[in-house]
Amino acid sequence: EVSDATYNAALKATREIKRLERKKRRIEAELQELNYHASMIE
């Protein structure tokens, strides 16, 4: 049987993965915008 502590750890890990994936998408969008503006200026 899965203990409460184990379930909570898994739930916490899932939430952390979602947070990190949002952060990754944000950085990728910023990088794309940077490349576009830099190429226009260049």
PDB file of all heavy atoms in Angstrom:
ATOM      1  N   GLU A   1       0.830  -1.191   0.000  1.00  0.00           N
ATOM      2  CA  GLU A   1       0.000   0.000   0.000  1.00  0.00           C
ATOM      3  C   GLU A   1       0.874   1.255   0.000  1.00  0.00           C
ATOM      4  O   GLU A   1       1.930   1.284   0.613  1.00  0.00           O
ATOM      5  CB  GLU A   1      -0.912   0.016   1.233  1.00  0.00           C
ATOM      6  CG  GLU A   1      -1.942  -1.106   1.236  1.00  0.00           C
ATOM      7  CD  GLU A   1      -2.870  -1.006   2.416  1.00  0.00           C
ATOM      8  OE1 GLU A   1      -2.682  -0.064   3.236  1.00  0.00           O
ATOM      9  OE2 GLU A   1      -3.775  -1.847   2.528  1.00  0.00           O
ATOM     10  N   VAL A   2       0.385   2.257  -0.695  1.00  0.00           N
ATOM     11  CA  VAL A   2       1.118   3.522  -0.775  1.00  0.00           C
ATOM     12  C   VAL A   2       0.788   4.353   0.452  1.00  0.00           C
ATOM     13  O   VAL A   2      -0.383   4.623   0.743  1.00  0.00           O
ATOM     14  CB  VAL A   2       0.736   4.291  -2.056  1.00  0.00           C
ATOM     15  CG1 VAL A   2       1.475   5.621  -2.112  1.00  0.00           C
ATOM     16  CG2 VAL A   2       1.042   3.447  -3.284  1.00  0.00           C
ATOM     17  N   SER A   3       1.813   4.746   1.189  1.00  0.00           N
ATOM     18  CA  SER A   3       1.610   5.525   2.416  1.00  0.00           C
ATOM     19  C   SER A   3       1.273   6.965   2.089  1.00  0.00           C
ATOM     20  O   SER A   3       1.477   7.438   0.969  1.00  0.00           O
ATOM     21  CB  SER A   3       2.869   5.475   3.273  1.00  0.00           C
ATOM     22  OG  SER A   3       3.923   6.165   2.610  1.00  0.00           O
ATOM     23  N   ASP A   4       0.739   7.684   3.082  1.00  0.00           N
ATOM     24  CA  ASP A   4       0.422   9.098   2.900  1.00  0.00           C
ATOM     25  C   ASP A   4       1.666   9.900   2.555  1.00  0.00           C
ATOM     26  O   ASP A   4       1.637  10.803   1.710  1.00  0.00           O
ATOM     27  CB  ASP A   4      -0.216   9.653   4.172  1.00  0.00           C
ATOM     28  CG  ASP A   4      -1.620   9.108   4.396  1.00  0.00           C
ATOM     29  OD1 ASP A   4      -2.201   8.592   3.424  1.00  0.00           O
ATOM     30  OD2 ASP A   4      -2.107   9.198   5.530  1.00  0.00           O
ATOM     31  N   ALA A   5       2.783   9.586   3.214  1.00  0.00           N
ATOM     32  CA  ALA A   5       4.033  10.313   2.958  1.00  0.00           C
ATOM     33  C   ALA A   5       4.486  10.103   1.522  1.00  0.00           C
ATOM     34  O   ALA A   5       4.959  11.032   0.849  1.00  0.00           O
ATOM     35  CB  ALA A   5       5.109   9.850   3.930  1.00  0.00           C
ATOM     36  N   THR A   6       4.338   8.871   1.026  1.00  0.00           N
ATOM     37  CA  THR A   6       4.743   8.572  -0.355  1.00  0.00           C
ATOM     38  C   THR A   6       3.854   9.303  -1.345  1.00  0.00           C
ATOM     39  O   THR A   6       4.320   9.875  -2.338  1.00  0.00           O
ATOM     40  CB  THR A   6       4.671   7.060  -0.612  1.00  0.00           C
ATOM     41  OG1 THR A   6       5.510   6.396   0.321  1.00  0.00           O
ATOM     42  CG2 THR A   6       5.123   6.731  -2.019  1.00  0.00           C
ATOM     43  N   TYR A   7       2.554   9.292  -1.084  1.00  0.00           N
ATOM     44  CA  TYR A   7       1.607   9.983  -1.969  1.00  0.00           C
ATOM     45  C   TYR A   7       1.905  11.474  -1.999  1.00  0.00           C
ATOM     46  O   TYR A   7       1.906  12.111  -3.061  1.00  0.00           O
ATOM     47  CB  TYR A   7       0.180   9.739  -1.490  1.00  0.00           C
ATOM     48  CG  TYR A   7      -0.849  10.560  -2.225  1.00  0.00           C
ATOM     49  CD1 TYR A   7      -1.280  10.176  -3.496  1.00  0.00           C
ATOM     50  CD2 TYR A   7      -1.377  11.725  -1.657  1.00  0.00           C
ATOM     51  CE1 TYR A   7      -2.215  10.942  -4.180  1.00  0.00           C
ATOM     52  CE2 TYR A   7      -2.302  12.491  -2.340  1.00  0.00           C
ATOM     53  CZ  TYR A   7      -2.727  12.093  -3.596  1.00  0.00           C
ATOM     54  OH  TYR A   7      -3.650  12.850  -4.265  1.00  0.00           O
ATOM     55  N   ASN A   8       2.159  12.056  -0.848  1.00  0.00           N
ATOM     56  CA  ASN A   8       2.453  13.490  -0.768  1.00  0.00           C
ATOM     57  C   ASN A   8       3.742  13.828  -1.507  1.00  0.00           C
ATOM     58  O   ASN A   8       3.847  14.874  -2.148  1.00  0.00           O
ATOM     59  CB  ASN A   8       2.548  13.921   0.693  1.00  0.00           C
ATOM     60  CG  ASN A   8       1.201  13.912   1.388  1.00  0.00           C
ATOM     61  OD1 ASN A   8       0.169  14.025   0.738  1.00  0.00           O
ATOM     62  ND2 ASN A   8       1.205  13.773   2.715  1.00  0.00           N
ATOM     63  N   ALA A   9       4.734  12.938  -1.412  1.00  0.00           N
ATOM     64  CA  ALA A   9       5.993  13.166  -2.123  1.00  0.00           C
ATOM     65  C   ALA A   9       5.777  13.143  -3.633  1.00  0.00           C
ATOM     66  O   ALA A   9       6.328  13.965  -4.377  1.00  0.00           O
ATOM     67  CB  ALA A   9       7.015  12.108  -1.718  1.00  0.00           C
ATOM     68  N   ALA A  10       4.943  12.167  -4.092  1.00  0.00           N
ATOM     69  CA  ALA A  10       4.659  12.074  -5.524  1.00  0.00           C
ATOM     70  C   ALA A  10       3.884  13.287  -6.006  1.00  0.00           C
ATOM     71  O   ALA A  10       4.146  13.834  -7.092  1.00  0.00           O
ATOM     72  CB  ALA A  10       3.880  10.791  -5.813  1.00  0.00           C
ATOM     73  N   LEU A  11       2.919  13.739  -5.198  1.00  0.00           N
ATOM     74  CA  LEU A  11       2.132  14.914  -5.563  1.00  0.00           C
ATOM     75  C   LEU A  11       3.004  16.162  -5.631  1.00  0.00           C
ATOM     76  O   LEU A  11       2.883  16.984  -6.553  1.00  0.00           O
ATOM     77  CB  LEU A  11       1.017  15.112  -4.531  1.00  0.00           C
ATOM     78  CG  LEU A  11       0.006  16.227  -4.825  1.00  0.00           C
ATOM     79  CD1 LEU A  11      -0.722  15.958  -6.137  1.00  0.00           C
ATOM     80  CD2 LEU A  11      -0.986  16.357  -3.674  1.00  0.00           C
ATOM     81  N   LYS A  12       3.904  16.284  -4.671  1.00  0.00           N
ATOM     82  CA  LYS A  12       4.823  17.423  -4.652  1.00  0.00           C
ATOM     83  C   LYS A  12       5.730  17.409  -5.869  1.00  0.00           C
ATOM     84  O   LYS A  12       5.987  18.452  -6.488  1.00  0.00           O
ATOM     85  CB  LYS A  12       5.660  17.388  -3.375  1.00  0.00           C
ATOM     86  CG  LYS A  12       6.608  18.570  -3.223  1.00  0.00           C
ATOM     87  CD  LYS A  12       7.381  18.494  -1.910  1.00  0.00           C
ATOM     88  CE  LYS A  12       8.338  19.664  -1.782  1.00  0.00           C
ATOM     89  NZ  LYS A  12       9.115  19.596  -0.514  1.00  0.00           N
ATOM     90  N   ALA A  13       6.211  16.215  -6.249  1.00  0.00           N
ATOM     91  CA  ALA A  13       7.081  16.100  -7.425  1.00  0.00           C
ATOM     92  C   ALA A  13       6.327  16.483  -8.695  1.00  0.00           C
ATOM     93  O   ALA A  13       6.873  17.158  -9.582  1.00  0.00           O
ATOM     94  CB  ALA A  13       7.623  14.679  -7.537  1.00  0.00           C
ATOM     95  N   THR A  14       5.060  16.073  -8.803  1.00  0.00           N
ATOM     96  CA  THR A  14       4.255  16.400  -9.978  1.00  0.00           C
ATOM     97  C   THR A  14       4.058  17.905 -10.107  1.00  0.00           C
ATOM     98  O   THR A  14       4.173  18.482 -11.194  1.00  0.00           O
ATOM     99  CB  THR A  14       2.872  15.708  -9.890  1.00  0.00           C
ATOM    100  OG1 THR A  14       3.065  14.294  -9.800  1.00  0.00           O
ATOM    101  CG2 THR A  14       2.027  16.026 -11.113  1.00  0.00           C
ATOM    102  N   ARG A  15       3.758  18.545  -8.979  1.00  0.00           N
ATOM    103  CA  ARG A  15       3.588  20.002  -9.002  1.00  0.00           C
ATOM    104  C   ARG A  15       4.884  20.711  -9.368  1.00  0.00           C
ATOM    105  O   ARG A  15       4.878  21.705 -10.104  1.00  0.00           O
ATOM    106  CB  ARG A  15       3.099  20.474  -7.632  1.00  0.00           C
ATOM    107  CG  ARG A  15       1.656  20.082  -7.318  1.00  0.00           C
ATOM    108  CD  ARG A  15       1.294  20.424  -5.890  1.00  0.00           C
ATOM    109  NE  ARG A  15      -0.112  20.133  -5.598  1.00  0.00           N
ATOM    110  CZ  ARG A  15      -0.628  20.135  -4.390  1.00  0.00           C
ATOM    111  NH1 ARG A  15       0.139  20.428  -3.330  1.00  0.00           N
ATOM    112  NH2 ARG A  15      -1.907  19.854  -4.207  1.00  0.00           N
ATOM    113  N   GLU A  16       5.993  20.203  -8.856  1.00  0.00           N
ATOM    114  CA  GLU A  16       7.294  20.817  -9.169  1.00  0.00           C
ATOM    115  C   GLU A  16       7.625  20.676 -10.648  1.00  0.00           C
ATOM    116  O   GLU A  16       8.155  21.602 -11.269  1.00  0.00           O
ATOM    117  CB  GLU A  16       8.380  20.169  -8.306  1.00  0.00           C
ATOM    118  CG  GLU A  16       9.772  20.754  -8.497  1.00  0.00           C
ATOM    119  CD  GLU A  16       9.889  22.201  -8.066  1.00  0.00           C
ATOM    120  OE1 GLU A  16       8.945  22.741  -7.439  1.00  0.00           O
ATOM    121  OE2 GLU A  16      10.938  22.812  -8.347  1.00  0.00           O
ATOM    122  N   ILE A  17       7.301  19.519 -11.233  1.00  0.00           N
ATOM    123  CA  ILE A  17       7.552  19.316 -12.668  1.00  0.00           C
ATOM    124  C   ILE A  17       6.731  20.307 -13.489  1.00  0.00           C
ATOM    125  O   ILE A  17       7.241  20.907 -14.449  1.00  0.00           O
ATOM    126  CB  ILE A  17       7.221  17.863 -13.065  1.00  0.00           C
ATOM    127  CG1 ILE A  17       8.284  16.911 -12.500  1.00  0.00           C
ATOM    128  CG2 ILE A  17       7.139  17.706 -14.580  1.00  0.00           C
ATOM    129  CD1 ILE A  17       7.945  15.447 -12.658  1.00  0.00           C
ATOM    130  N   LYS A  18       5.464  20.504 -13.117  1.00  0.00           N
ATOM    131  CA  LYS A  18       4.621  21.458 -13.847  1.00  0.00           C
ATOM    132  C   LYS A  18       5.174  22.870 -13.735  1.00  0.00           C
ATOM    133  O   LYS A  18       5.177  23.634 -14.706  1.00  0.00           O
ATOM    134  CB  LYS A  18       3.192  21.395 -13.321  1.00  0.00           C
ATOM    135  CG  LYS A  18       2.452  20.117 -13.696  1.00  0.00           C
ATOM    136  CD  LYS A  18       1.020  20.139 -13.162  1.00  0.00           C
ATOM    137  CE  LYS A  18       0.278  18.869 -13.567  1.00  0.00           C
ATOM    138  NZ  LYS A  18      -1.112  18.849 -13.039  1.00  0.00           N
ATOM    139  N   ARG A  19       5.645  23.243 -12.553  1.00  0.00           N
ATOM    140  CA  ARG A  19       6.222  24.584 -12.366  1.00  0.00           C
ATOM    141  C   ARG A  19       7.463  24.764 -13.223  1.00  0.00           C
ATOM    142  O   ARG A  19       7.645  25.802 -13.870  1.00  0.00           O
ATOM    143  CB  ARG A  19       6.577  24.789 -10.884  1.00  0.00           C
ATOM    144  CG  ARG A  19       7.084  26.200 -10.563  1.00  0.00           C
ATOM    145  CD  ARG A  19       7.637  26.293  -9.159  1.00  0.00           C
ATOM    146  NE  ARG A  19       8.883  25.563  -9.025  1.00  0.00           N
ATOM    147  CZ  ARG A  19      10.080  26.052  -9.398  1.00  0.00           C
ATOM    148  NH1 ARG A  19      10.170  27.258  -9.949  1.00  0.00           N
ATOM    149  NH2 ARG A  19      11.168  25.327  -9.231  1.00  0.00           N
ATOM    150  N   LEU A  20       8.314  23.741 -13.248  1.00  0.00           N
ATOM    151  CA  LEU A  20       9.547  23.815 -14.035  1.00  0.00           C
ATOM    152  C   LEU A  20       9.252  23.846 -15.533  1.00  0.00           C
ATOM    153  O   LEU A  20       9.945  24.536 -16.288  1.00  0.00           O
ATOM    154  CB  LEU A  20      10.449  22.627 -13.691  1.00  0.00           C
ATOM    155  CG  LEU A  20      11.076  22.647 -12.291  1.00  0.00           C
ATOM    156  CD1 LEU A  20      11.728  21.311 -11.970  1.00  0.00           C
ATOM    157  CD2 LEU A  20      12.090  23.778 -12.158  1.00  0.00           C
ATOM    158  N   GLU A  21       8.232  23.137 -15.963  1.00  0.00           N
ATOM    159  CA  GLU A  21       7.874  23.149 -17.385  1.00  0.00           C
ATOM    160  C   GLU A  21       7.345  24.516 -17.802  1.00  0.00           C
ATOM    161  O   GLU A  21       7.606  24.977 -18.916  1.00  0.00           O
ATOM    162  CB  GLU A  21       6.850  22.052 -17.675  1.00  0.00           C
ATOM    163  CG  GLU A  21       7.461  20.653 -17.657  1.00  0.00           C
ATOM    164  CD  GLU A  21       6.431  19.562 -17.862  1.00  0.00           C
ATOM    165  OE1 GLU A  21       5.218  19.844 -17.676  1.00  0.00           O
ATOM    166  OE2 GLU A  21       6.829  18.420 -18.192  1.00  0.00           O
ATOM    167  N   ARG A  22       6.583  25.174 -16.902  1.00  0.00           N
ATOM    168  CA  ARG A  22       6.134  26.547 -17.192  1.00  0.00           C
ATOM    169  C   ARG A  22       7.328  27.491 -17.294  1.00  0.00           C
ATOM    170  O   ARG A  22       7.383  28.360 -18.171  1.00  0.00           O
ATOM    171  CB  ARG A  22       5.162  27.027 -16.113  1.00  0.00           C
ATOM    172  CG  ARG A  22       3.778  26.400 -16.170  1.00  0.00           C
ATOM    173  CD  ARG A  22       2.772  27.185 -15.322  1.00  0.00           C
ATOM    174  NE  ARG A  22       3.167  27.223 -13.918  1.00  0.00           N
ATOM    175  CZ  ARG A  22       2.810  26.318 -13.011  1.00  0.00           C
ATOM    176  NH1 ARG A  22       2.054  25.287 -13.365  1.00  0.00           N
ATOM    177  NH2 ARG A  22       3.186  26.438 -11.742  1.00  0.00           N
ATOM    178  N   LYS A  23       8.273  27.330 -16.391  1.00  0.00           N
ATOM    179  CA  LYS A  23       9.486  28.152 -16.421  1.00  0.00           C
ATOM    180  C   LYS A  23      10.265  27.918 -17.701  1.00  0.00           C
ATOM    181  O   LYS A  23      10.769  28.870 -18.315  1.00  0.00           O
ATOM    182  CB  LYS A  23      10.361  27.815 -15.208  1.00  0.00           C
ATOM    183  CG  LYS A  23      11.627  28.654 -15.112  1.00  0.00           C
ATOM    184  CD  LYS A  23      12.419  28.306 -13.848  1.00  0.00           C
ATOM    185  CE  LYS A  23      13.685  29.141 -13.745  1.00  0.00           C
ATOM    186  NZ  LYS A  23      14.470  28.799 -12.531  1.00  0.00           N
ATOM    187  N   LYS A  24      10.347  26.670 -18.135  1.00  0.00           N
ATOM    188  CA  LYS A  24      11.057  26.344 -19.372  1.00  0.00           C
ATOM    189  C   LYS A  24      10.395  27.002 -20.576  1.00  0.00           C
ATOM    190  O   LYS A  24      11.075  27.587 -21.429  1.00  0.00           O
ATOM    191  CB  LYS A  24      11.104  24.837 -19.558  1.00  0.00           C
ATOM    192  CG  LYS A  24      11.827  24.396 -20.825  1.00  0.00           C
ATOM    193  CD  LYS A  24      11.868  22.877 -20.949  1.00  0.00           C
ATOM    194  CE  LYS A  24      12.566  22.465 -22.238  1.00  0.00           C
ATOM    195  NZ  LYS A  24      12.630  20.993 -22.371  1.00  0.00           N
ATOM    196  N   ARG A  25       9.065  26.945 -20.647  1.00  0.00           N
ATOM    197  CA  ARG A  25       8.350  27.575 -21.765  1.00  0.00           C
ATOM    198  C   ARG A  25       8.569  29.083 -21.774  1.00  0.00           C
ATOM    199  O   ARG A  25       8.714  29.698 -22.829  1.00  0.00           O
ATOM    200  CB  ARG A  25       6.854  27.244 -21.695  1.00  0.00           C
ATOM    201  CG  ARG A  25       6.519  25.800 -22.043  1.00  0.00           C
ATOM    202  CD  ARG A  25       5.023  25.621 -22.270  1.00  0.00           C
ATOM    203  NE  ARG A  25       4.254  25.855 -21.050  1.00  0.00           N
ATOM    204  CZ  ARG A  25       3.952  24.911 -20.173  1.00  0.00           C
ATOM    205  NH1 ARG A  25       4.376  23.667 -20.354  1.00  0.00           N
ATOM    206  NH2 ARG A  25       3.230  25.208 -19.098  1.00  0.00           N
ATOM    207  N   ARG A  26       8.592  29.681 -20.578  1.00  0.00           N
ATOM    208  CA  ARG A  26       8.821  31.133 -20.498  1.00  0.00           C
ATOM    209  C   ARG A  26      10.209  31.499 -21.010  1.00  0.00           C
ATOM    210  O   ARG A  26      10.363  32.452 -21.780  1.00  0.00           O
ATOM    211  CB  ARG A  26       8.634  31.610 -19.058  1.00  0.00           C
ATOM    212  CG  ARG A  26       8.945  33.095 -18.850  1.00  0.00           C
ATOM    213  CD  ARG A  26       8.711  33.516 -17.407  1.00  0.00           C
ATOM    214  NE  ARG A  26       9.500  32.753 -16.467  1.00  0.00           N
ATOM    215  CZ  ARG A  26      10.799  32.967 -16.228  1.00  0.00           C
ATOM    216  NH1 ARG A  26      11.441  33.916 -16.890  1.00  0.00           N
ATOM    217  NH2 ARG A  26      11.439  32.234 -15.334  1.00  0.00           N
ATOM    218  N   ILE A  27      11.218  30.759 -20.594  1.00  0.00           N
ATOM    219  CA  ILE A  27      12.587  31.047 -21.037  1.00  0.00           C
ATOM    220  C   ILE A  27      12.711  30.840 -22.549  1.00  0.00           C
ATOM    221  O   ILE A  27      13.363  31.626 -23.244  1.00  0.00           O
ATOM    222  CB  ILE A  27      13.597  30.162 -20.282  1.00  0.00           C
ATOM    223  CG1 ILE A  27      13.588  30.502 -18.781  1.00  0.00           C
ATOM    224  CG2 ILE A  27      15.010  30.348 -20.834  1.00  0.00           C
ATOM    225  CD1 ILE A  27      14.418  29.557 -17.931  1.00  0.00           C
ATOM    226  N   GLU A  28      12.083  29.789 -23.069  1.00  0.00           N
ATOM    227  CA  GLU A  28      12.128  29.529 -24.513  1.00  0.00           C
ATOM    228  C   GLU A  28      11.466  30.658 -25.297  1.00  0.00           C
ATOM    229  O   GLU A  28      11.966  31.066 -26.354  1.00  0.00           O
ATOM    230  CB  GLU A  28      11.442  28.201 -24.820  1.00  0.00           C
ATOM    231  CG  GLU A  28      12.250  26.984 -24.395  1.00  0.00           C
ATOM    232  CD  GLU A  28      11.491  25.689 -24.576  1.00  0.00           C
ATOM    233  OE1 GLU A  28      10.239  25.719 -24.631  1.00  0.00           O
ATOM    234  OE2 GLU A  28      12.140  24.628 -24.651  1.00  0.00           O
ATOM    235  N   ALA A  29      10.354  31.203 -24.768  1.00  0.00           N
ATOM    236  CA  ALA A  29       9.689  32.326 -25.431  1.00  0.00           C
ATOM    237  C   ALA A  29      10.577  33.574 -25.398  1.00  0.00           C
ATOM    238  O   ALA A  29      10.672  34.311 -26.392  1.00  0.00           O
ATOM    239  CB  ALA A  29       8.348  32.607 -24.756  1.00  0.00           C
ATOM    240  N   GLU A  30      11.225  33.816 -24.270  1.00  0.00           N
ATOM    241  CA  GLU A  30      12.132  34.965 -24.159  1.00  0.00           C
ATOM    242  C   GLU A  30      13.308  34.819 -25.123  1.00  0.00           C
ATOM    243  O   GLU A  30      13.735  35.799 -25.737  1.00  0.00           O
ATOM    244  CB  GLU A  30      12.637  35.089 -22.723  1.00  0.00           C
ATOM    245  CG  GLU A  30      11.571  35.510 -21.724  1.00  0.00           C
ATOM    246  CD  GLU A  30      12.060  35.448 -20.285  1.00  0.00           C
ATOM    247  OE1 GLU A  30      13.193  34.941 -20.066  1.00  0.00           O
ATOM    248  OE2 GLU A  30      11.324  35.891 -19.379  1.00  0.00           O
ATOM    249  N   LEU A  31      13.820  33.610 -25.246  1.00  0.00           N
ATOM    250  CA  LEU A  31      14.949  33.358 -26.147  1.00  0.00           C
ATOM    251  C   LEU A  31      14.532  33.562 -27.598  1.00  0.00           C
ATOM    252  O   LEU A  31      15.281  34.140 -28.396  1.00  0.00           O
ATOM    253  CB  LEU A  31      15.464  31.936 -25.931  1.00  0.00           C
ATOM    254  CG  LEU A  31      16.772  31.536 -26.610  1.00  0.00           C
ATOM    255  CD1 LEU A  31      17.901  32.476 -26.202  1.00  0.00           C
ATOM    256  CD2 LEU A  31      17.136  30.107 -26.255  1.00  0.00           C
ATOM    257  N   GLN A  32      13.335  33.115 -27.944  1.00  0.00           N
ATOM    258  CA  GLN A  32      12.835  33.300 -29.305  1.00  0.00           C
ATOM    259  C   GLN A  32      12.664  34.782 -29.630  1.00  0.00           C
ATOM    260  O   GLN A  32      13.025  35.247 -30.716  1.00  0.00           O
ATOM    261  CB  GLN A  32      11.506  32.564 -29.468  1.00  0.00           C
ATOM    262  CG  GLN A  32      10.937  32.629 -30.888  1.00  0.00           C
ATOM    263  CD  GLN A  32       9.637  31.859 -31.022  1.00  0.00           C
ATOM    264  OE1 GLN A  32       9.043  31.448 -30.030  1.00  0.00           O
ATOM    265  NE2 GLN A  32       9.189  31.658 -32.244  1.00  0.00           N
ATOM    266  N   GLU A  33      12.112  35.530 -28.675  1.00  0.00           N
ATOM    267  CA  GLU A  33      11.926  36.971 -28.878  1.00  0.00           C
ATOM    268  C   GLU A  33      13.275  37.682 -28.994  1.00  0.00           C
ATOM    269  O   GLU A  33      13.443  38.576 -29.827  1.00  0.00           O
ATOM    270  CB  GLU A  33      11.122  37.539 -27.712  1.00  0.00           C
ATOM    271  CG  GLU A  33      10.779  39.012 -27.867  1.00  0.00           C
ATOM    272  CD  GLU A  33       9.833  39.508 -26.791  1.00  0.00           C
ATOM    273  OE1 GLU A  33       9.071  38.692 -26.255  1.00  0.00           O
ATOM    274  OE2 GLU A  33       9.869  40.712 -26.481  1.00  0.00           O
ATOM    275  N   LEU A  34      14.227  37.291 -28.160  1.00  0.00           N
ATOM    276  CA  LEU A  34      15.567  37.882 -28.227  1.00  0.00           C
ATOM    277  C   LEU A  34      16.192  37.647 -29.592  1.00  0.00           C
ATOM    278  O   LEU A  34      16.734  38.571 -30.209  1.00  0.00           O
ATOM    279  CB  LEU A  34      16.445  37.262 -27.131  1.00  0.00           C
ATOM    280  CG  LEU A  34      17.939  37.594 -27.194  1.00  0.00           C
ATOM    281  CD1 LEU A  34      18.177  39.050 -26.823  1.00  0.00           C
ATOM    282  CD2 LEU A  34      18.742  36.687 -26.272  1.00  0.00           C
ATOM    283  N   ASN A  35      16.119  36.412 -30.092  1.00  0.00           N
ATOM    284  CA  ASN A  35      16.710  36.091 -31.391  1.00  0.00           C
ATOM    285  C   ASN A  35      16.057  36.883 -32.512  1.00  0.00           C
ATOM    286  O   ASN A  35      16.737  37.356 -33.436  1.00  0.00           O
ATOM    287  CB  ASN A  35      16.582  34.590 -31.665  1.00  0.00           C
ATOM    288  CG  ASN A  35      17.497  33.757 -30.784  1.00  0.00           C
ATOM    289  OD1 ASN A  35      18.528  34.238 -30.321  1.00  0.00           O
ATOM    290  ND2 ASN A  35      17.125  32.520 -30.525  1.00  0.00           N
ATOM    291  N   TYR A  36      14.736  37.048 -32.432  1.00  0.00           N
ATOM    292  CA  TYR A  36      14.026  37.789 -33.481  1.00  0.00           C
ATOM    293  C   TYR A  36      14.443  39.263 -33.486  1.00  0.00           C
ATOM    294  O   TYR A  36      14.828  39.810 -34.521  1.00  0.00           O
ATOM    295  CB  TYR A  36      12.517  37.674 -33.275  1.00  0.00           C
ATOM    296  CG  TYR A  36      11.740  38.601 -34.177  1.00  0.00           C
ATOM    297  CD1 TYR A  36      11.639  38.344 -35.540  1.00  0.00           C
ATOM    298  CD2 TYR A  36      11.152  39.765 -33.678  1.00  0.00           C
ATOM    299  CE1 TYR A  36      10.954  39.205 -36.376  1.00  0.00           C
ATOM    300  CE2 TYR A  36      10.463  40.627 -34.505  1.00  0.00           C
ATOM    301  CZ  TYR A  36      10.360  40.345 -35.855  1.00  0.00           C
ATOM    302  OH  TYR A  36       9.692  41.209 -36.677  1.00  0.00           O
ATOM    303  N   HIS A  37      14.385  39.911 -32.329  1.00  0.00           N
ATOM    304  CA  HIS A  37      14.730  41.334 -32.265  1.00  0.00           C
ATOM    305  C   HIS A  37      16.193  41.561 -32.629  1.00  0.00           C
ATOM    306  O   HIS A  37      16.524  42.518 -33.342  1.00  0.00           O
ATOM    307  CB  HIS A  37      14.436  41.881 -30.864  1.00  0.00           C
ATOM    308  CG  HIS A  37      12.973  41.997 -30.573  1.00  0.00           C
ATOM    309  ND1 HIS A  37      12.458  41.873 -29.306  1.00  0.00           N
ATOM    310  CD2 HIS A  37      11.911  42.221 -31.377  1.00  0.00           C
ATOM    311  CE1 HIS A  37      11.151  42.032 -29.346  1.00  0.00           C
ATOM    312  NE2 HIS A  37      10.794  42.229 -30.593  1.00  0.00           N
ATOM    313  N   ALA A  38      17.078  40.689 -32.153  1.00  0.00           N
ATOM    314  CA  ALA A  38      18.501  40.845 -32.461  1.00  0.00           C
ATOM    315  C   ALA A  38      18.755  40.698 -33.956  1.00  0.00           C
ATOM    316  O   ALA A  38      19.567  41.433 -34.534  1.00  0.00           O
ATOM    317  CB  ALA A  38      19.318  39.816 -31.674  1.00  0.00           C
ATOM    318  N   SER A  39      18.059  39.767 -34.610  1.00  0.00           N
ATOM    319  CA  SER A  39      18.249  39.576 -36.053  1.00  0.00           C
ATOM    320  C   SER A  39      17.739  40.779 -36.840  1.00  0.00           C
ATOM    321  O   SER A  39      18.340  41.181 -37.847  1.00  0.00           O
ATOM    322  CB  SER A  39      17.550  38.299 -36.522  1.00  0.00           C
ATOM    323  OG  SER A  39      16.139  38.419 -36.422  1.00  0.00           O
ATOM    324  N   MET A  40      16.638  41.394 -36.390  1.00  0.00           N
ATOM    325  CA  MET A  40      16.126  42.590 -37.053  1.00  0.00           C
ATOM    326  C   MET A  40      17.129  43.736 -36.951  1.00  0.00           C
ATOM    327  O   MET A  40      17.404  44.429 -37.933  1.00  0.00           O
ATOM    328  CB  MET A  40      14.798  43.003 -36.411  1.00  0.00           C
ATOM    329  CG  MET A  40      13.628  42.076 -36.693  1.00  0.00           C
ATOM    330  SD  MET A  40      13.146  42.017 -38.430  1.00  0.00           S
ATOM    331  CE  MET A  40      12.774  43.723 -38.769  1.00  0.00           C
ATOM    332  N   ILE A  41      17.661  43.948 -35.751  1.00  0.00           N
ATOM    333  CA  ILE A  41      18.619  45.044 -35.555  1.00  0.00           C
ATOM    334  C   ILE A  41      19.893  44.776 -36.343  1.00  0.00           C
ATOM    335  O   ILE A  41      20.448  45.681 -36.988  1.00  0.00           O
ATOM    336  CB  ILE A  41      18.929  45.215 -34.056  1.00  0.00           C
ATOM    337  CG1 ILE A  41      17.650  45.551 -33.279  1.00  0.00           C
ATOM    338  CG2 ILE A  41      19.971  46.318 -33.839  1.00  0.00           C
ATOM    339  CD1 ILE A  41      17.783  45.413 -31.769  1.00  0.00           C
ATOM    340  N   GLU A  42      20.379  43.529 -36.312  1.00  0.00           N
ATOM    341  CA  GLU A  42      21.606  43.196 -37.026  1.00  0.00           C
ATOM    342  C   GLU A  42      21.460  43.437 -38.519  1.00  0.00           C
ATOM    343  O   GLU A  42      22.385  43.940 -39.168  1.00  0.00           O
ATOM    344  CB  GLU A  42      21.980  41.738 -36.767  1.00  0.00           C
ATOM    345  CG  GLU A  42      23.270  41.330 -37.449  1.00  0.00           C
ATOM    346  CD  GLU A  42      23.707  39.929 -37.070  1.00  0.00           C
ATOM    347  OE1 GLU A  42      22.867  39.165 -36.546  1.00  0.00           O
ATOM    348  OE2 GLU A  42      24.883  39.600 -37.299  1.00  0.00           O
TER     349      GLU A  42
END
